[in-house]
Protein backbone atom coordinates (compact mmCIF):
# COMPACT_ATOMS: atom_id res chain seq x y z
CA MET A 1 -37.92 50.49 11.80
CA PHE A 2 -40.10 47.29 10.54
CA LEU A 3 -42.57 47.57 7.54
CA SER A 4 -39.45 48.23 4.93
CA ILE A 5 -40.68 50.55 2.12
CA ILE A 6 -38.86 52.38 0.10
CA THR A 7 -37.73 55.92 -0.13
CA THR A 8 -39.34 56.88 -3.49
CA ILE A 9 -42.53 54.74 -3.53
CA SER A 10 -45.95 55.01 -1.33
CA PHE A 11 -47.32 52.65 1.06
CA ALA A 12 -50.31 50.35 0.76
CA LEU A 13 -52.74 51.27 3.64
CA LEU A 14 -55.41 48.57 3.88
CA GLY A 15 -58.10 50.16 6.51
CA HIS A 16 -55.26 52.16 8.24
CA LEU A 17 -52.88 49.15 7.84
CA VAL A 18 -49.62 49.78 6.43
CA ILE A 19 -47.66 47.51 4.63
CA GLY A 20 -44.80 48.05 2.27
CA GLY A 21 -45.83 48.28 -1.63
CA PRO A 22 -45.96 50.33 -4.21
CA VAL A 23 -49.60 51.24 -4.09
CA LYS A 24 -50.81 54.62 -3.85
CA VAL A 25 -52.85 55.03 -1.02
CA SER A 26 -52.88 56.86 2.44
CA GLN A 27 -50.22 55.51 4.98
CA ASP A 28 -51.26 54.91 8.98
CA ILE A 29 -50.00 51.79 9.73
CA THR A 30 -46.72 50.33 9.55
CA PRO A 31 -43.85 48.24 10.67
CA GLN A 32 -40.21 49.65 11.07
CA ILE A 33 -37.46 49.83 14.04
CA VAL A 34 -37.95 52.56 16.37
CA GLY A 35 -36.04 52.90 19.36
CA GLY A 36 -33.36 50.08 18.60
CA VAL A 37 -29.47 50.72 18.35
CA GLU A 38 -26.99 49.54 15.77
CA ALA A 39 -26.31 46.64 15.41
CA PRO A 40 -23.07 45.41 15.96
CA ILE A 41 -21.24 43.74 12.98
CA ASN A 42 -22.18 40.41 11.88
CA TYR A 43 -24.37 40.32 14.99
CA ALA A 44 -27.11 39.33 12.19
CA PRO A 45 -25.61 37.49 9.40
CA HIS A 46 -28.37 36.12 8.37
CA MET A 47 -30.12 39.47 6.99
CA MET A 48 -30.52 40.44 3.31
CA ALA A 49 -31.34 43.67 2.34
CA LEU A 50 -33.81 44.13 -1.08
CA VAL A 51 -32.76 46.88 -2.84
CA PHE A 52 -33.52 48.26 -6.61
CA GLY A 53 -32.68 50.64 -9.25
CA THR A 54 -29.04 51.75 -11.41
CA ASN A 55 -28.75 55.21 -11.12
CA ILE A 56 -30.59 55.96 -7.70
CA VAL A 57 -30.46 53.02 -5.34
CA ASN A 58 -33.80 52.53 -3.40
CA PHE A 59 -33.90 50.11 -0.30
CA MET A 60 -37.33 48.55 -0.30
CA CYS A 61 -37.16 45.20 2.43
CA GLY A 62 -35.56 43.54 4.78
CA ALA A 63 -35.10 39.80 3.95
CA SER A 64 -33.24 36.53 5.71
CA ILE A 65 -31.02 34.08 4.21
CA VAL A 66 -32.11 30.51 4.82
CA THR A 67 -30.66 28.41 2.39
CA GLU A 68 -27.87 28.69 0.19
CA CYS A 69 -30.23 29.47 -2.68
CA HIS A 70 -33.29 31.11 -0.81
CA VAL A 71 -34.34 34.30 0.88
CA LEU A 72 -37.07 34.35 3.11
CA THR A 73 -40.01 37.82 3.01
CA ALA A 74 -42.85 38.78 3.13
CA ALA A 75 -45.43 38.41 0.47
CA HIS A 76 -46.49 41.65 0.25
CA CYS A 77 -42.54 42.76 -0.36
CA ILE A 78 -42.32 40.69 -3.02
CA ASP A 79 -45.68 41.94 -4.74
CA ALA A 80 -43.88 45.38 -4.30
CA LEU A 81 -40.83 44.22 -6.16
CA MET A 82 -42.73 43.78 -9.25
CA GLY A 83 -42.13 44.75 -12.18
CA ASP A 84 -44.16 43.88 -15.08
CA VAL A 85 -47.09 41.55 -14.46
CA ASN A 86 -45.14 38.05 -12.49
CA THR A 87 -42.19 39.55 -13.47
CA LEU A 88 -39.37 40.58 -10.47
CA LEU A 89 -37.84 43.95 -11.30
CA PRO A 90 -34.87 43.66 -13.78
CA SER A 91 -32.50 46.00 -10.66
CA LEU A 92 -33.83 44.19 -7.90
CA ARG A 93 -31.00 42.73 -5.92
CA GLY A 94 -29.68 41.56 -2.29
CA VAL A 95 -27.26 43.43 -0.25
CA TYR A 96 -25.78 40.41 2.04
CA GLY A 97 -22.52 40.17 4.45
CA SER A 98 -22.65 43.85 5.32
CA ASN A 99 -24.75 46.07 7.49
CA GLU A 100 -25.05 48.91 4.93
CA TRP A 101 -28.27 48.35 2.77
CA ARG A 102 -26.13 50.08 0.04
CA SER A 103 -22.91 48.11 0.08
CA THR A 104 -22.00 46.57 -3.16
CA GLU A 105 -19.40 44.26 -2.03
CA LYS A 106 -21.92 41.08 -2.19
CA ASN A 107 -25.12 41.72 -4.05
CA ALA A 108 -27.00 38.98 -5.55
CA THR A 109 -30.02 38.93 -8.19
CA PHE A 110 -33.40 36.62 -8.23
CA LYS A 111 -34.69 34.32 -10.54
CA GLY A 112 -38.25 34.13 -9.50
CA TYR A 113 -40.13 33.44 -6.60
CA ILE A 114 -43.46 32.16 -4.51
CA ASN A 115 -46.12 33.58 -2.61
CA HIS A 116 -48.07 31.61 -0.58
CA GLU A 117 -50.88 30.45 -2.72
CA LYS A 118 -53.18 32.09 0.40
CA TRP A 119 -51.71 35.52 0.19
CA ASN A 120 -54.16 37.96 0.71
CA ILE A 121 -53.38 41.62 0.65
CA PHE A 122 -56.57 42.70 1.66
CA ILE A 123 -56.60 40.87 5.07
CA LEU A 124 -53.21 40.89 5.44
CA LYS A 125 -52.87 36.94 6.16
CA ASN A 126 -50.22 34.50 4.60
CA ASP A 127 -47.96 37.29 4.33
CA ILE A 128 -44.78 34.62 3.32
CA GLY A 129 -42.75 34.18 0.36
CA VAL A 130 -39.74 33.10 -0.85
CA LEU A 131 -36.79 34.89 -3.60
CA PHE A 132 -35.24 31.90 -5.28
CA LEU A 133 -31.24 33.02 -6.22
CA SER A 134 -29.71 33.38 -9.56
CA GLU A 135 -26.91 31.28 -7.98
CA LYS A 136 -25.20 30.01 -4.93
CA LEU A 137 -24.16 32.30 -2.16
CA SER A 138 -20.75 31.20 -1.38
CA ARG A 139 -20.04 30.86 1.97
CA SER A 140 -18.09 33.36 3.78
CA ASP A 141 -18.02 34.92 7.33
CA LYS A 142 -19.62 37.94 6.80
CA TRP A 143 -22.87 35.39 5.96
CA ASN A 144 -25.07 33.19 7.18
CA ILE A 145 -28.01 31.07 6.92
CA ILE A 146 -30.54 31.26 9.62
CA PRO A 147 -32.34 28.00 10.72
CA LEU A 148 -36.33 27.97 10.93
CA GLU A 149 -38.17 27.36 14.04
CA TYR A 150 -41.03 24.82 13.02
CA ASP A 151 -42.13 24.00 16.51
CA TRP A 152 -44.81 26.57 18.35
CA VAL A 153 -43.40 29.14 20.32
CA GLU A 154 -44.67 30.50 23.13
CA ALA A 155 -45.77 33.70 24.79
CA GLY A 156 -42.65 35.16 26.29
CA GLU A 157 -40.09 34.79 24.44
CA LYS A 158 -37.35 37.08 24.51
CA SER A 159 -36.45 37.84 20.50
CA TYR A 160 -34.67 40.39 18.22
CA VAL A 161 -35.58 42.07 15.05
CA THR A 162 -32.93 43.46 13.04
CA GLY A 163 -33.34 46.14 10.01
CA TRP A 164 -33.02 49.49 8.05
CA GLY A 165 -36.46 50.94 8.49
CA THR A 166 -36.80 54.28 8.87
CA LEU A 167 -36.19 55.57 12.45
CA TRP A 168 -38.96 57.16 12.76
CA ALA A 169 -42.30 58.02 11.20
CA TRP A 170 -41.55 59.70 7.47
CA GLY A 171 -37.74 59.59 8.22
CA PRO A 172 -34.59 58.54 6.92
CA HIS A 173 -33.52 54.58 6.35
CA PRO A 174 -30.52 54.26 8.45
CA PRO A 175 -27.06 53.78 6.49
CA LYS A 176 -26.50 50.95 8.73
CA LEU A 177 -28.65 47.51 10.39
CA GLN A 178 -30.42 48.26 13.82
CA LEU A 179 -31.39 46.29 16.29
CA LEU A 180 -34.41 45.81 18.47
CA TYR A 181 -35.11 43.67 21.60
CA VAL A 182 -38.56 42.51 21.85
CA GLU A 183 -40.75 40.11 23.28
CA THR A 184 -43.54 37.64 22.33
CA ILE A 185 -47.48 38.50 23.68
CA GLY A 186 -50.09 35.78 24.19
CA GLU A 187 -53.14 35.67 22.26
CA GLU A 188 -55.68 37.12 24.67
CA GLU A 189 -53.11 40.17 24.99
CA CYS A 190 -52.69 40.28 21.76
CA ALA A 191 -56.20 40.45 20.43
CA GLN A 192 -57.37 43.31 23.16
CA GLY A 193 -54.47 45.39 21.70
CA VAL A 194 -55.40 45.11 18.27
CA ALA A 195 -58.85 45.39 19.23
CA LYS A 196 -57.94 48.89 20.84
CA ALA A 197 -56.08 50.22 18.14
CA SER A 198 -58.37 49.14 15.70
CA ALA A 199 -61.29 50.87 17.41
CA GLU A 200 -59.34 53.82 17.37
CA ASP A 201 -60.17 54.69 13.61
CA TYR A 202 -57.75 52.02 12.18
CA GLY A 203 -60.50 49.19 10.46
CA ASN A 204 -61.59 46.26 11.71
CA HIS A 205 -58.04 44.20 11.79
CA TYR A 206 -57.82 40.58 13.77
CA VAL A 207 -54.72 38.70 14.17
CA ASP A 208 -54.47 34.80 13.42
CA GLN A 209 -52.27 32.99 16.34
CA ASN A 210 -52.21 30.10 14.53
CA LEU A 211 -50.53 32.30 11.46
CA GLU A 212 -48.93 35.23 13.34
CA ILE A 213 -46.57 36.00 15.99
CA CYS A 214 -47.28 39.11 18.12
CA THR A 215 -45.24 41.71 19.95
CA MET A 216 -46.08 44.82 21.72
CA HIS A 217 -44.02 47.63 23.87
CA GLU A 218 -45.71 50.04 26.20
CA LYS A 219 -47.53 52.93 24.87
CA GLY A 220 -45.43 56.09 25.01
CA ASN A 221 -41.99 54.25 25.30
CA GLY A 222 -40.68 54.87 22.00
CA PHE A 223 -39.63 51.28 21.18
CA GLY A 224 -41.68 49.11 18.45
CA MET A 225 -42.14 49.21 14.78
CA CYS A 226 -42.60 52.05 12.03
CA PHE A 227 -42.22 52.49 8.57
CA GLY A 228 -39.69 50.61 7.31
CA ASP A 229 -38.50 46.71 7.28
CA SER A 230 -41.49 44.56 6.57
CA GLY A 231 -40.05 40.70 5.51
CA SER A 232 -37.23 41.29 8.09
CA ALA A 233 -36.80 38.24 10.68
CA LEU A 234 -37.79 37.76 14.35
CA VAL A 235 -35.48 35.76 16.30
CA SER A 236 -35.22 33.71 19.09
CA LEU A 237 -32.14 34.78 21.72
CA SER A 238 -32.56 31.31 23.22
CA SER A 239 -32.36 29.40 20.04
CA GLY A 240 -30.94 31.29 17.48
CA LYS A 241 -33.84 30.31 15.15
CA GLN A 242 -35.88 32.72 12.83
CA ILE A 243 -39.52 32.47 14.45
CA GLY A 244 -40.86 35.14 12.61
CA ILE A 245 -41.26 38.05 9.86
CA VAL A 246 -42.86 41.48 10.16
CA SER A 247 -45.60 41.81 8.55
CA TRP A 248 -47.93 44.49 9.51
CA GLY A 249 -48.55 47.36 12.83
CA PHE A 250 -50.07 50.12 14.10
CA PRO A 251 -48.87 53.32 13.73
CA CYS A 252 -45.61 53.78 15.16
CA ALA A 253 -44.40 52.66 18.86
CA LEU A 254 -47.38 54.13 20.19
CA GLY A 255 -48.39 50.65 22.75
CA ALA A 256 -50.20 48.71 19.92
CA PRO A 257 -49.21 45.13 18.67
CA ASP A 258 -47.18 44.47 16.20
CA MET A 259 -47.33 41.39 13.86
CA PHE A 260 -44.87 39.05 12.51
CA VAL A 261 -45.51 35.81 10.09
CA ARG A 262 -45.45 32.74 12.48
CA VAL A 263 -42.96 30.63 10.90
CA SER A 264 -44.01 27.70 12.58
CA GLY A 265 -47.72 28.40 10.52
CA PHE A 266 -46.06 27.00 7.09
CA LYS A 267 -43.91 24.23 7.44
CA ASP A 268 -45.32 22.50 5.27
CA PHE A 269 -45.15 25.02 2.91
CA LEU A 270 -41.70 26.35 3.47
CA LYS A 271 -39.89 22.62 4.03
CA ASP A 272 -41.32 21.44 0.11
CA ILE A 273 -39.80 24.59 -1.13
CA LEU A 274 -36.33 24.71 0.55
CA LYS A 275 -35.33 20.99 0.48
CA ASP A 276 -33.84 21.56 -3.14
CA CYS A 277 -31.12 23.66 -4.08
CA ASP A 278 -30.23 22.14 -7.22
CA LYS A 279 -31.43 24.36 -9.55
CA CYS A 280 -29.26 27.30 -8.44
CA ALA A 281 -26.24 27.96 -10.88
CA GLU A 282 -22.96 28.64 -10.26
CA LYS A 283 -21.81 30.78 -7.32
CA ASN A 284 -22.25 33.56 -6.24
CA GLU A 285 -18.78 35.12 -5.35
């Protein structure tokens, strides 16, 4: 499950890198959880599913609640949720407080967004954006704000990801939130893995360790990313803080690194945006 994309929209493939978006190109590289398990109720109360549609509801991406007014996700997810130029789809909403992305119990709407000014869809760098909620979220035991990790995270950090991405390439979106435990890897190991995968006809892609965090599983073990939840949070098991955002990767669970935006690489960008919640309207029940 990772690069989260909708069931009715094509993936954008740059080179052969798949990101979740409506651009109609071929589709080889992805991110979604493969080999995970169903997440326990309230295991990841920070999670929000970004969905759209009225008569037919479509799942697009994962996201995380980082204040009562702000939701953090991947920039390419926000791009994929545009209607008219620079305008979010009118039917876009965030499902939260539930493990089921089709839940109608708690749905939030959005009044705007900011993508990082250096976001580049062609090289998949600075893939980070913030959605502004139309109203503040009312406190509840069914959802919670996740703290962000602004300090550097080393290799070997035991972490987890949750999301609603497809369970295998071109498979269905699971109705309930999935969970996968992963571990970060170092710069050299990641660079070697990306170089190897890139050499196998997937284009010339690179990792910027100042901006990205890598995780990887051994080829053939069936655990890793695929088409599914871009925008979902990578969370440290030891600190409980969000350290990354699902961004891009190579074909599902075959041993190549999976790439996440490194939260600490965008400390100034995030702190400047998240410092003010006063512009939100009444509370969203």
